[in-house]
């Protein structure tokens, strides 16, 4: 366990509120995301080996929260994270953070690019650099690593690799030489991280929010997915992410990972979730939280909160026996 950067030396935590888990070792993009969390500054950070261990820390009380990668602008959703959120009960997303992603090719001192025949890289990092690698090292082989930093560390731990794909700051943590900078195939690549906890409280709406959930289709029939999507479209809600993942119990059975623009306390979002709950046999609410980009959610004003409130009041007035008979004449649907 290590302390956050610029904090006092680590001591045993007084409570789990003092501990945050992240995919280690130090120097990973996940750690860079955790550095963006104000509440984590000065607290103790627990480096773990994989996403499952990070979430187990939260569920079993070793950490107050864990930072995990959930989506990449190049590769899409991180399926192992999506599946974990779908199958581990009680988890909530309490924040999201964006980290620009680029890579360097590093090696042991004395190695040149011409010496490289095998490259160690995390599978996601390798996918984001394969065009550069194929072009500059057309005959190279690939050895998968558990993390971007572990790829570089393996060069000094008996790995058969000649070089590694790693984050630019790796030279601050290991005695490697940089053979090439900016080897990512897309200079605009960004990874989206989420902070996951077991808290049941939901942050207050900011006007620039996102709601994450997972829903299953009730059956495999024509139009079933359209029925699910209409729960949002008929309430003016934009979906910034929708991805399917197999449930695993039979072919053709899928759950959908959804990010909707808005907050559960927004009337339009709450109404959509009610409609979705009536439609789907399983809906998992993963949380409402501020968007990392701070961009305010734009929506048709026909779906503002007071429109929903007025409609409910109008409906209640239709069966309110205490109201004078003509009191509802001016109301209309």
C-alpha atoms as a PDB file:
ATOM      1  CA  UNK A   1       0.000   0.000   0.000  1.00  0.00           C
ATOM      2  CA  UNK A   2       1.318   3.431  -0.849  1.00  0.00           C
ATOM      3  CA  UNK A   3       0.313   6.932   0.097  1.00  0.00           C
ATOM      4  CA  UNK A   4      -1.020   9.423  -2.407  1.00  0.00           C
ATOM      5  CA  UNK A   5       1.579  11.663  -4.058  1.00  0.00           C
ATOM      6  CA  UNK A   6       2.776  14.544  -1.876  1.00  0.00           C
ATOM      7  CA  UNK A   7       1.151  13.007   1.216  1.00  0.00           C
ATOM      8  CA  UNK A   8       2.745  12.028   4.505  1.00  0.00           C
ATOM      9  CA  UNK A   9       4.321   8.550   4.824  1.00  0.00           C
ATOM     10  CA  UNK A  10       1.719   5.791   4.889  1.00  0.00           C
ATOM     11  CA  UNK A  11       0.446   4.507   8.206  1.00  0.00           C
ATOM     12  CA  UNK A  12      -2.190   1.924   8.970  1.00  0.00           C
ATOM     13  CA  UNK A  13      -5.533   3.489   8.001  1.00  0.00           C
ATOM     14  CA  UNK A  14      -7.910   4.442  10.767  1.00  0.00           C
ATOM     15  CA  UNK A  15     -10.793   3.243   8.573  1.00  0.00           C
ATOM     16  CA  UNK A  16     -11.515   2.141   5.035  1.00  0.00           C
ATOM     17  CA  UNK A  17     -12.373   5.794   4.310  1.00  0.00           C
ATOM     18  CA  UNK A  18      -8.610   6.357   4.136  1.00  0.00           C
ATOM     19  CA  UNK A  19      -7.940   3.797   1.362  1.00  0.00           C
ATOM     20  CA  UNK A  20      -8.483   3.892  -2.413  1.00  0.00           C
ATOM     21  CA  UNK A  21      -7.646   0.978  -4.714  1.00  0.00           C
ATOM     22  CA  UNK A  22      -6.256   1.276  -8.245  1.00  0.00           C
ATOM     23  CA  UNK A  23      -4.616  -0.909 -10.867  1.00  0.00           C
ATOM     24  CA  UNK A  24      -0.924  -0.754 -10.082  1.00  0.00           C
ATOM     25  CA  UNK A  25       1.934  -0.500  -9.893  1.00  0.00           C
ATOM     26  CA  UNK A  26       2.603   3.208  -9.538  1.00  0.00           C
ATOM     27  CA  UNK A  27       2.686   5.051 -12.855  1.00  0.00           C
ATOM     28  CA  UNK A  28      -0.369   3.542 -14.537  1.00  0.00           C
ATOM     29  CA  UNK A  29      -3.066   5.555 -16.290  1.00  0.00           C
ATOM     30  CA  UNK A  30      -5.418   4.378 -13.528  1.00  0.00           C
ATOM     31  CA  UNK A  31      -3.250   6.108 -10.960  1.00  0.00           C
ATOM     32  CA  UNK A  32      -3.330   9.234 -13.133  1.00  0.00           C
ATOM     33  CA  UNK A  33      -7.137   9.093 -12.983  1.00  0.00           C
ATOM     34  CA  UNK A  34      -7.101   8.665  -9.191  1.00  0.00           C
ATOM     35  CA  UNK A  35      -4.924  11.777  -8.904  1.00  0.00           C
ATOM     36  CA  UNK A  36      -7.937  13.744 -10.194  1.00  0.00           C
ATOM     37  CA  UNK A  37     -10.105  12.799  -7.182  1.00  0.00           C
ATOM     38  CA  UNK A  38     -10.004  15.593  -4.564  1.00  0.00           C
ATOM     39  CA  UNK A  39     -11.261  13.287  -1.797  1.00  0.00           C
ATOM     40  CA  UNK A  40      -8.389  10.852  -2.393  1.00  0.00           C
ATOM     41  CA  UNK A  41      -5.611  13.386  -1.873  1.00  0.00           C
ATOM     42  CA  UNK A  42      -3.595  12.710   1.234  1.00  0.00           C
ATOM     43  CA  UNK A  43      -5.241   9.293   1.649  1.00  0.00           C
ATOM     44  CA  UNK A  44      -3.656   5.887   1.199  1.00  0.00           C
ATOM     45  CA  UNK A  45      -3.728   4.265  -2.225  1.00  0.00           C
ATOM     46  CA  UNK A  46      -3.698   0.494  -2.568  1.00  0.00           C
ATOM     47  CA  UNK A  47      -2.114  -0.810  -5.791  1.00  0.00           C
ATOM     48  CA  UNK A  48      -3.726  -4.053  -6.966  1.00  0.00           C
ATOM     49  CA  UNK A  49      -3.011  -6.510  -9.765  1.00  0.00           C
ATOM     50  CA  UNK A  50      -6.325  -6.541 -11.637  1.00  0.00           C
ATOM     51  CA  UNK A  51      -9.821  -5.113 -11.796  1.00  0.00           C
ATOM     52  CA  UNK A  52     -11.354  -8.021  -9.864  1.00  0.00           C
ATOM     53  CA  UNK A  53      -9.044  -7.399  -6.929  1.00  0.00           C
ATOM     54  CA  UNK A  54      -9.861  -3.682  -6.981  1.00  0.00           C
ATOM     55  CA  UNK A  55     -13.614  -4.310  -6.790  1.00  0.00           C
ATOM     56  CA  UNK A  56     -13.147  -7.041  -4.171  1.00  0.00           C
ATOM     57  CA  UNK A  57     -11.355  -4.465  -2.008  1.00  0.00           C
ATOM     58  CA  UNK A  58     -14.475  -2.293  -2.128  1.00  0.00           C
ATOM     59  CA  UNK A  59     -16.994  -5.082  -1.554  1.00  0.00           C
ATOM     60  CA  UNK A  60     -14.983  -6.649   1.273  1.00  0.00           C
ATOM     61  CA  UNK A  61     -14.236  -3.342   3.015  1.00  0.00           C
ATOM     62  CA  UNK A  62     -10.530  -2.898   2.369  1.00  0.00           C
ATOM     63  CA  UNK A  63     -11.130   0.305   0.391  1.00  0.00           C
ATOM     64  CA  UNK A  64     -13.743   3.041   0.297  1.00  0.00           C
ATOM     65  CA  UNK A  65     -13.589   3.138  -3.511  1.00  0.00           C
ATOM     66  CA  UNK A  66     -11.709   1.782  -6.520  1.00  0.00           C
ATOM     67  CA  UNK A  67     -10.719   3.468  -9.764  1.00  0.00           C
ATOM     68  CA  UNK A  68     -11.308   1.315 -12.850  1.00  0.00           C
ATOM     69  CA  UNK A  69     -11.178   1.839 -16.620  1.00  0.00           C
ATOM     70  CA  UNK A  70     -14.633   1.567 -18.183  1.00  0.00           C
ATOM     71  CA  UNK A  71     -14.328   2.884 -21.750  1.00  0.00           C
ATOM     72  CA  UNK A  72     -11.735   3.851 -24.324  1.00  0.00           C
ATOM     73  CA  UNK A  73     -12.349   6.195 -27.229  1.00  0.00           C
ATOM     74  CA  UNK A  74     -10.600   3.753 -29.588  1.00  0.00           C
ATOM     75  CA  UNK A  75     -11.489   0.296 -28.305  1.00  0.00           C
ATOM     76  CA  UNK A  76     -14.909   1.080 -26.828  1.00  0.00           C
ATOM     77  CA  UNK A  77     -16.189  -0.351 -23.562  1.00  0.00           C
ATOM     78  CA  UNK A  78     -13.931  -2.375 -21.279  1.00  0.00           C
ATOM     79  CA  UNK A  79     -15.879  -5.630 -21.266  1.00  0.00           C
ATOM     80  CA  UNK A  80     -14.326  -7.055 -18.093  1.00  0.00           C
ATOM     81  CA  UNK A  81     -15.369  -3.928 -16.185  1.00  0.00           C
ATOM     82  CA  UNK A  82     -18.877  -3.907 -17.653  1.00  0.00           C
ATOM     83  CA  UNK A  83     -19.387  -7.582 -16.796  1.00  0.00           C
ATOM     84  CA  UNK A  84     -18.094  -7.068 -13.261  1.00  0.00           C
ATOM     85  CA  UNK A  85     -20.505  -4.191 -12.627  1.00  0.00           C
ATOM     86  CA  UNK A  86     -23.336  -6.355 -13.966  1.00  0.00           C
ATOM     87  CA  UNK A  87     -22.595  -9.347 -11.745  1.00  0.00           C
ATOM     88  CA  UNK A  88     -21.264  -7.906  -8.476  1.00  0.00           C
ATOM     89  CA  UNK A  89     -24.206  -6.537  -6.466  1.00  0.00           C
ATOM     90  CA  UNK A  90     -24.116  -3.311  -4.489  1.00  0.00           C
ATOM     91  CA  UNK A  91     -21.595  -1.326  -6.552  1.00  0.00           C
ATOM     92  CA  UNK A  92     -22.195   2.308  -7.482  1.00  0.00           C
ATOM     93  CA  UNK A  93     -20.322   4.699  -9.749  1.00  0.00           C
ATOM     94  CA  UNK A  94     -19.707   7.962  -7.904  1.00  0.00           C
ATOM     95  CA  UNK A  95     -17.547   9.830 -10.406  1.00  0.00           C
ATOM     96  CA  UNK A  96     -15.906   9.692 -13.828  1.00  0.00           C
ATOM     97  CA  UNK A  97     -12.514  10.936 -14.995  1.00  0.00           C
ATOM     98  CA  UNK A  98     -10.849  11.281 -18.402  1.00  0.00           C
ATOM     99  CA  UNK A  99      -7.180  10.568 -19.053  1.00  0.00           C
ATOM    100  CA  UNK A 100      -5.493  11.291 -22.415  1.00  0.00           C
ATOM    101  CA  UNK A 101      -3.646   8.164 -23.512  1.00  0.00           C
ATOM    102  CA  UNK A 102      -0.394   7.854 -25.395  1.00  0.00           C
ATOM    103  CA  UNK A 103       2.517   5.468 -25.236  1.00  0.00           C
ATOM    104  CA  UNK A 104       6.266   5.134 -25.604  1.00  0.00           C
ATOM    105  CA  UNK A 105       8.340   2.126 -26.605  1.00  0.00           C
ATOM    106  CA  UNK A 106      10.978   1.436 -23.955  1.00  0.00           C
ATOM    107  CA  UNK A 107      13.780  -1.080 -23.508  1.00  0.00           C
ATOM    108  CA  UNK A 108      16.731  -1.955 -21.319  1.00  0.00           C
ATOM    109  CA  UNK A 109      19.715   0.409 -21.615  1.00  0.00           C
ATOM    110  CA  UNK A 110      21.851  -0.494 -24.600  1.00  0.00           C
ATOM    111  CA  UNK A 111      18.945  -1.780 -26.714  1.00  0.00           C
ATOM    112  CA  UNK A 112      18.223  -0.229 -30.111  1.00  0.00           C
ATOM    113  CA  UNK A 113      15.084  -0.390 -32.204  1.00  0.00           C
ATOM    114  CA  UNK A 114      16.832  -2.849 -34.531  1.00  0.00           C
ATOM    115  CA  UNK A 115      17.266  -5.231 -31.579  1.00  0.00           C
ATOM    116  CA  UNK A 116      13.527  -5.475 -30.888  1.00  0.00           C
ATOM    117  CA  UNK A 117      11.818  -8.696 -31.954  1.00  0.00           C
ATOM    118  CA  UNK A 118       9.318  -9.230 -29.120  1.00  0.00           C
ATOM    119  CA  UNK A 119       7.232  -6.541 -27.406  1.00  0.00           C
ATOM    120  CA  UNK A 120       5.567  -6.790 -24.010  1.00  0.00           C
ATOM    121  CA  UNK A 121       2.322  -4.780 -23.774  1.00  0.00           C
ATOM    122  CA  UNK A 122      -1.053  -4.743 -22.092  1.00  0.00           C
ATOM    123  CA  UNK A 123      -3.591  -6.020 -24.676  1.00  0.00           C
ATOM    124  CA  UNK A 124      -5.504  -2.693 -24.772  1.00  0.00           C
ATOM    125  CA  UNK A 125      -2.300  -0.708 -25.178  1.00  0.00           C
ATOM    126  CA  UNK A 126      -1.105  -3.092 -27.865  1.00  0.00           C
ATOM    127  CA  UNK A 127      -4.351  -2.648 -29.790  1.00  0.00           C
ATOM    128  CA  UNK A 128      -3.883   1.125 -29.699  1.00  0.00           C
ATOM    129  CA  UNK A 129      -0.297   0.922 -31.001  1.00  0.00           C
ATOM    130  CA  UNK A 130      -0.414  -2.012 -33.392  1.00  0.00           C
ATOM    131  CA  UNK A 131      -0.337   0.103 -36.560  1.00  0.00           C
ATOM    132  CA  UNK A 132       2.886   1.820 -35.467  1.00  0.00           C
ATOM    133  CA  UNK A 133       4.380  -1.497 -34.351  1.00  0.00           C
ATOM    134  CA  UNK A 134       3.390  -3.262 -37.575  1.00  0.00           C
ATOM    135  CA  UNK A 135       4.902  -0.458 -39.616  1.00  0.00           C
ATOM    136  CA  UNK A 136       8.188  -0.070 -37.718  1.00  0.00           C
ATOM    137  CA  UNK A 137       8.582  -3.656 -36.429  1.00  0.00           C
ATOM    138  CA  UNK A 138       6.772  -5.795 -39.029  1.00  0.00           C
ATOM    139  CA  UNK A 139       8.091  -9.123 -37.698  1.00  0.00           C
ATOM    140  CA  UNK A 140       7.605  -8.489 -33.981  1.00  0.00           C
ATOM    141  CA  UNK A 141       5.889 -10.821 -31.539  1.00  0.00           C
ATOM    142  CA  UNK A 142       3.637  -9.768 -28.663  1.00  0.00           C
ATOM    143  CA  UNK A 143       3.693 -10.875 -25.030  1.00  0.00           C
ATOM    144  CA  UNK A 144       0.652  -9.681 -22.993  1.00  0.00           C
ATOM    145  CA  UNK A 145       1.181  -7.841 -19.693  1.00  0.00           C
ATOM    146  CA  UNK A 146      -1.174  -7.232 -16.770  1.00  0.00           C
ATOM    147  CA  UNK A 147      -0.675  -3.457 -16.924  1.00  0.00           C
ATOM    148  CA  UNK A 148       1.249  -0.845 -18.884  1.00  0.00           C
ATOM    149  CA  UNK A 149       3.754  -0.347 -16.080  1.00  0.00           C
ATOM    150  CA  UNK A 150       4.118  -4.091 -15.516  1.00  0.00           C
ATOM    151  CA  UNK A 151       5.090  -4.425 -19.180  1.00  0.00           C
ATOM    152  CA  UNK A 152       8.128  -2.213 -18.592  1.00  0.00           C
ATOM    153  CA  UNK A 153       8.953  -3.780 -15.228  1.00  0.00           C
ATOM    154  CA  UNK A 154       8.997  -7.233 -16.802  1.00  0.00           C
ATOM    155  CA  UNK A 155      12.054  -6.264 -18.835  1.00  0.00           C
ATOM    156  CA  UNK A 156      14.053  -6.554 -15.606  1.00  0.00           C
ATOM    157  CA  UNK A 157      12.276  -9.692 -14.380  1.00  0.00           C
ATOM    158  CA  UNK A 158      13.421 -12.267 -16.899  1.00  0.00           C
ATOM    159  CA  UNK A 159      10.933 -11.457 -19.652  1.00  0.00           C
ATOM    160  CA  UNK A 160      11.710 -12.743 -23.127  1.00  0.00           C
ATOM    161  CA  UNK A 161      10.586  -9.389 -24.533  1.00  0.00           C
ATOM    162  CA  UNK A 162      13.118  -6.951 -25.946  1.00  0.00           C
ATOM    163  CA  UNK A 163      10.937  -3.861 -25.434  1.00  0.00           C
ATOM    164  CA  UNK A 164       7.676  -2.756 -23.857  1.00  0.00           C
ATOM    165  CA  UNK A 165       4.800  -0.401 -24.579  1.00  0.00           C
ATOM    166  CA  UNK A 166       4.422   1.874 -21.550  1.00  0.00           C
ATOM    167  CA  UNK A 167       3.115   5.276 -20.371  1.00  0.00           C
ATOM    168  CA  UNK A 168       5.349   8.306 -21.064  1.00  0.00           C
ATOM    169  CA  UNK A 169       6.164   8.752 -17.355  1.00  0.00           C
ATOM    170  CA  UNK A 170       7.633   5.261 -17.025  1.00  0.00           C
ATOM    171  CA  UNK A 171      11.194   6.662 -16.982  1.00  0.00           C
ATOM    172  CA  UNK A 172      10.419   8.083 -13.527  1.00  0.00           C
ATOM    173  CA  UNK A 173       9.836   4.585 -12.167  1.00  0.00           C
ATOM    174  CA  UNK A 174      12.194   2.249 -14.055  1.00  0.00           C
ATOM    175  CA  UNK A 175      15.670   2.454 -15.560  1.00  0.00           C
ATOM    176  CA  UNK A 176      14.562   2.173 -19.176  1.00  0.00           C
ATOM    177  CA  UNK A 177      15.477   4.017 -22.339  1.00  0.00           C
ATOM    178  CA  UNK A 178      12.853   5.410 -24.689  1.00  0.00           C
ATOM    179  CA  UNK A 179      13.202   4.006 -28.208  1.00  0.00           C
ATOM    180  CA  UNK A 180      10.217   5.924 -29.621  1.00  0.00           C
ATOM    181  CA  UNK A 181       7.722   8.546 -28.414  1.00  0.00           C
ATOM    182  CA  UNK A 182       4.044   8.954 -29.257  1.00  0.00           C
ATOM    183  CA  UNK A 183       3.558   5.506 -30.749  1.00  0.00           C
ATOM    184  CA  UNK A 184      -0.213   5.503 -30.233  1.00  0.00           C
ATOM    185  CA  UNK A 185      -2.134   5.208 -33.492  1.00  0.00           C
ATOM    186  CA  UNK A 186      -4.609   7.937 -32.509  1.00  0.00           C
ATOM    187  CA  UNK A 187      -3.278  11.106 -30.851  1.00  0.00           C
ATOM    188  CA  UNK A 188      -6.789  11.902 -29.571  1.00  0.00           C
ATOM    189  CA  UNK A 189      -7.183   8.657 -27.617  1.00  0.00           C
ATOM    190  CA  UNK A 190      -8.816   9.070 -24.204  1.00  0.00           C
ATOM    191  CA  UNK A 191      -9.696   6.503 -21.553  1.00  0.00           C
ATOM    192  CA  UNK A 192     -12.698   7.043 -19.316  1.00  0.00           C
ATOM    193  CA  UNK A 193     -12.322   5.875 -15.725  1.00  0.00           C
ATOM    194  CA  UNK A 194     -14.983   5.567 -13.038  1.00  0.00           C
ATOM    195  CA  UNK A 195     -14.682   5.632  -9.273  1.00  0.00           C
ATOM    196  CA  UNK A 196     -16.702   2.764  -7.804  1.00  0.00           C
ATOM    197  CA  UNK A 197     -17.960   2.456  -4.237  1.00  0.00           C
ATOM    198  CA  UNK A 198     -20.745   0.779  -2.257  1.00  0.00           C
ATOM    199  CA  UNK A 199     -22.338   4.011  -1.052  1.00  0.00           C
ATOM    200  CA  UNK A 200     -26.098   4.304  -1.545  1.00  0.00           C
ATOM    201  CA  UNK A 201     -26.105   8.105  -1.568  1.00  0.00           C
ATOM    202  CA  UNK A 202     -26.364   9.889  -4.917  1.00  0.00           C
ATOM    203  CA  UNK A 203     -24.620  13.224  -5.587  1.00  0.00           C
ATOM    204  CA  UNK A 204     -26.988  16.143  -6.109  1.00  0.00           C
ATOM    205  CA  UNK A 205     -27.731  17.145  -9.730  1.00  0.00           C
ATOM    206  CA  UNK A 206     -25.374  19.666 -11.287  1.00  0.00           C
ATOM    207  CA  UNK A 207     -27.019  20.055 -14.701  1.00  0.00           C
ATOM    208  CA  UNK A 208     -23.997  18.304 -16.221  1.00  0.00           C
ATOM    209  CA  UNK A 209     -24.644  14.731 -15.141  1.00  0.00           C
ATOM    210  CA  UNK A 210     -24.665  11.187 -16.420  1.00  0.00           C
ATOM    211  CA  UNK A 211     -26.672   8.153 -15.292  1.00  0.00           C
ATOM    212  CA  UNK A 212     -25.313   4.639 -15.805  1.00  0.00           C
ATOM    213  CA  UNK A 213     -27.403   1.482 -15.726  1.00  0.00           C
ATOM    214  CA  UNK A 214     -27.624  -2.047 -17.056  1.00  0.00           C
ATOM    215  CA  UNK A 215     -30.850  -3.535 -18.428  1.00  0.00           C
ATOM    216  CA  UNK A 216     -31.871  -6.859 -19.935  1.00  0.00           C
ATOM    217  CA  UNK A 217     -34.327  -7.429 -22.751  1.00  0.00           C
ATOM    218  CA  UNK A 218     -37.433  -9.354 -21.686  1.00  0.00           C
ATOM    219  CA  UNK A 219     -37.311 -11.672 -24.702  1.00  0.00           C
ATOM    220  CA  UNK A 220     -35.647 -12.219 -28.062  1.00  0.00           C
ATOM    221  CA  UNK A 221     -38.179 -10.852 -30.543  1.00  0.00           C
ATOM    222  CA  UNK A 222     -38.303  -8.240 -33.313  1.00  0.00           C
ATOM    223  CA  UNK A 223     -38.557  -4.731 -31.876  1.00  0.00           C
ATOM    224  CA  UNK A 224     -37.521  -5.627 -28.326  1.00  0.00           C
ATOM    225  CA  UNK A 225     -34.448  -3.393 -28.404  1.00  0.00           C
ATOM    226  CA  UNK A 226     -36.504  -0.606 -29.965  1.00  0.00           C
ATOM    227  CA  UNK A 227     -38.953  -0.857 -27.061  1.00  0.00           C
ATOM    228  CA  UNK A 228     -36.045  -0.412 -24.642  1.00  0.00           C
ATOM    229  CA  UNK A 229     -34.662   2.604 -26.494  1.00  0.00           C
ATOM    230  CA  UNK A 230     -38.062   4.264 -26.685  1.00  0.00           C
ATOM    231  CA  UNK A 231     -38.119   4.528 -22.895  1.00  0.00           C
ATOM    232  CA  UNK A 232     -35.452   7.199 -23.354  1.00  0.00           C
ATOM    233  CA  UNK A 233     -36.288   8.740 -26.737  1.00  0.00           C
ATOM    234  CA  UNK A 234     -39.903   9.495 -25.799  1.00  0.00           C
ATOM    235  CA  UNK A 235     -38.610  11.483 -22.814  1.00  0.00           C
ATOM    236  CA  UNK A 236     -35.963  13.418 -24.726  1.00  0.00           C
ATOM    237  CA  UNK A 237     -32.969  11.643 -23.186  1.00  0.00           C
ATOM    238  CA  UNK A 238     -29.771  11.208 -25.152  1.00  0.00           C
ATOM    239  CA  UNK A 239     -27.743   8.028 -24.682  1.00  0.00           C
ATOM    240  CA  UNK A 240     -23.978   8.616 -24.771  1.00  0.00           C
ATOM    241  CA  UNK A 241     -23.248   4.889 -24.540  1.00  0.00           C
ATOM    242  CA  UNK A 242     -25.134   1.688 -25.273  1.00  0.00           C
ATOM    243  CA  UNK A 243     -23.286  -1.608 -25.573  1.00  0.00           C
ATOM    244  CA  UNK A 244     -24.490  -5.186 -25.495  1.00  0.00           C
ATOM    245  CA  UNK A 245     -22.913  -7.907 -23.382  1.00  0.00           C
ATOM    246  CA  UNK A 246     -23.949 -11.583 -23.374  1.00  0.00           C
ATOM    247  CA  UNK A 247     -25.734 -12.649 -20.210  1.00  0.00           C
ATOM    248  CA  UNK A 248     -24.110 -16.047 -20.556  1.00  0.00           C
ATOM    249  CA  UNK A 249     -27.010 -18.369 -19.827  1.00  0.00           C
ATOM    250  CA  UNK A 250     -28.011 -18.953 -23.465  1.00  0.00           C
ATOM    251  CA  UNK A 251     -27.252 -17.794 -27.000  1.00  0.00           C
ATOM    252  CA  UNK A 252     -29.143 -14.656 -27.992  1.00  0.00           C
ATOM    253  CA  UNK A 253     -29.529 -13.390 -24.417  1.00  0.00           C
ATOM    254  CA  UNK A 254     -28.018  -9.947 -23.860  1.00  0.00           C
ATOM    255  CA  UNK A 255     -27.840  -7.195 -21.306  1.00  0.00           C
ATOM    256  CA  UNK A 256     -27.241  -3.581 -22.302  1.00  0.00           C
ATOM    257  CA  UNK A 257     -24.823  -1.200 -20.632  1.00  0.00           C
ATOM    258  CA  UNK A 258     -26.279   2.306 -20.911  1.00  0.00           C
ATOM    259  CA  UNK A 259     -25.083   5.825 -20.127  1.00  0.00           C
ATOM    260  CA  UNK A 260     -27.916   8.372 -20.261  1.00  0.00           C
ATOM    261  CA  UNK A 261     -27.446  12.135 -20.203  1.00  0.00           C
ATOM    262  CA  UNK A 262     -29.035  13.468 -17.027  1.00  0.00           C
ATOM    263  CA  UNK A 263     -29.533  12.677 -13.343  1.00  0.00           C
ATOM    264  CA  UNK A 264     -31.931  10.271 -11.640  1.00  0.00           C
ATOM    265  CA  UNK A 265     -33.413  13.276  -9.823  1.00  0.00           C
ATOM    266  CA  UNK A 266     -34.265  14.875 -13.179  1.00  0.00           C
ATOM    267  CA  UNK A 267     -37.947  14.154 -13.785  1.00  0.00           C
ATOM    268  CA  UNK A 268     -37.392  12.960 -17.364  1.00  0.00           C
ATOM    269  CA  UNK A 269     -34.701  10.487 -16.278  1.00  0.00           C
ATOM    270  CA  UNK A 270     -36.712   9.203 -13.320  1.00  0.00           C
ATOM    271  CA  UNK A 271     -39.749   8.692 -15.550  1.00  0.00           C
ATOM    272  CA  UNK A 272     -37.620   6.818 -18.098  1.00  0.00           C
ATOM    273  CA  UNK A 273     -36.280   4.505 -15.391  1.00  0.00           C
ATOM    274  CA  UNK A 274     -39.814   3.773 -14.233  1.00  0.00           C
ATOM    275  CA  UNK A 275     -40.779   2.877 -17.788  1.00  0.00           C
ATOM    276  CA  UNK A 276     -37.663   0.756 -18.188  1.00  0.00           C
ATOM    277  CA  UNK A 277     -38.361  -1.084 -14.924  1.00  0.00           C
ATOM    278  CA  UNK A 278     -41.863  -1.972 -16.120  1.00  0.00           C
ATOM    279  CA  UNK A 279     -40.424  -3.228 -19.412  1.00  0.00           C
ATOM    280  CA  UNK A 280     -37.236  -5.047 -18.410  1.00  0.00           C
ATOM    281  CA  UNK A 281     -36.972  -8.113 -16.170  1.00  0.00           C
ATOM    282  CA  UNK A 282     -33.737  -6.759 -14.707  1.00  0.00           C
ATOM    283  CA  UNK A 283     -32.572  -3.155 -14.342  1.00  0.00           C
ATOM    284  CA  UNK A 284     -29.426  -2.316 -12.393  1.00  0.00           C
ATOM    285  CA  UNK A 285     -28.904   1.331 -11.424  1.00  0.00           C
ATOM    286  CA  UNK A 286     -25.164   2.019 -11.339  1.00  0.00           C
ATOM    287  CA  UNK A 287     -25.305   5.670 -10.327  1.00  0.00           C
ATOM    288  CA  UNK A 288     -25.816   9.300 -11.300  1.00  0.00           C
ATOM    289  CA  UNK A 289     -22.718  11.478 -11.150  1.00  0.00           C
ATOM    290  CA  UNK A 290     -21.167  14.636 -12.652  1.00  0.00           C
ATOM    291  CA  UNK A 291     -19.799  14.340 -16.171  1.00  0.00           C
ATOM    292  CA  UNK A 292     -16.013  14.483 -16.376  1.00  0.00           C
ATOM    293  CA  UNK A 293     -16.123  17.084 -19.140  1.00  0.00           C
ATOM    294  CA  UNK A 294     -18.471  19.369 -17.187  1.00  0.00           C
ATOM    295  CA  UNK A 295     -20.639  19.846 -20.278  1.00  0.00           C
ATOM    296  CA  UNK A 296     -24.211  20.775 -19.385  1.00  0.00           C
ATOM    297  CA  UNK A 297     -26.878  18.452 -20.712  1.00  0.00           C
ATOM    298  CA  UNK A 298     -28.989  20.006 -23.446  1.00  0.00           C
ATOM    299  CA  UNK A 299     -32.539  18.714 -23.908  1.00  0.00           C
ATOM    300  CA  UNK A 300     -35.875  19.740 -25.387  1.00  0.00           C
ATOM    301  CA  UNK A 301     -37.679  21.997 -22.897  1.00  0.00           C
ATOM    302  CA  UNK A 302     -40.832  19.939 -23.384  1.00  0.00           C
ATOM    303  CA  UNK A 303     -39.167  17.525 -20.976  1.00  0.00           C
ATOM    304  CA  UNK A 304     -38.199  19.951 -18.203  1.00  0.00           C
ATOM    305  CA  UNK A 305     -39.067  18.990 -14.623  1.00  0.00           C
ATOM    306  CA  UNK A 306     -42.111  21.233 -14.178  1.00  0.00           C
ATOM    307  CA  UNK A 307     -43.821  19.680 -17.215  1.00  0.00           C
ATOM    308  CA  UNK A 308     -43.752  16.259 -15.542  1.00  0.00           C
ATOM    309  CA  UNK A 309     -44.815  17.751 -12.206  1.00  0.00           C
ATOM    310  CA  UNK A 310     -47.792  19.561 -13.763  1.00  0.00           C
ATOM    311  CA  UNK A 311     -48.856  16.397 -15.589  1.00  0.00           C
ATOM    312  CA  UNK A 312     -48.905  14.396 -12.336  1.00  0.00           C
ATOM    313  CA  UNK A 313     -50.866  17.126 -10.588  1.00  0.00           C
ATOM    314  CA  UNK A 314     -53.359  17.213 -13.455  1.00  0.00           C
ATOM    315  CA  UNK A 315     -53.811  13.430 -13.275  1.00  0.00           C
ATOM    316  CA  UNK A 316     -54.327  13.561  -9.501  1.00  0.00           C
ATOM    317  CA  UNK A 317     -56.922  16.301  -9.925  1.00  0.00           C
ATOM    318  CA  UNK A 318     -59.076  14.045 -12.081  1.00  0.00           C
ATOM    319  CA  UNK A 319     -59.883  11.798  -9.135  1.00  0.00           C
ATOM    320  CA  UNK A 320     -59.725  14.374  -6.339  1.00  0.00           C
ATOM    321  CA  UNK A 321     -63.243  14.216  -4.918  1.00  0.00           C
ATOM    322  CA  UNK A 322     -62.607  17.182  -2.602  1.00  0.00           C
ATOM    323  CA  UNK A 323     -62.082  19.597  -5.483  1.00  0.00           C
ATOM    324  CA  UNK A 324     -65.057  21.570  -6.870  1.00  0.00           C
ATOM    325  CA  UNK A 325     -66.424  20.018 -10.048  1.00  0.00           C
ATOM    326  CA  UNK A 326     -65.273  22.910 -12.262  1.00  0.00           C
ATOM    327  CA  UNK A 327     -61.814  23.293 -10.739  1.00  0.00           C
ATOM    328  CA  UNK A 328     -60.169  21.057 -13.342  1.00  0.00           C
ATOM    329  CA  UNK A 329     -61.995  22.398 -16.405  1.00  0.00           C
ATOM    330  CA  UNK A 330     -59.017  24.488 -17.502  1.00  0.00           C
ATOM    331  CA  UNK A 331     -56.555  21.605 -17.285  1.00  0.00           C
ATOM    332  CA  UNK A 332     -55.682  19.743 -20.427  1.00  0.00           C
ATOM    333  CA  UNK A 333     -53.436  16.847 -21.280  1.00  0.00           C
END
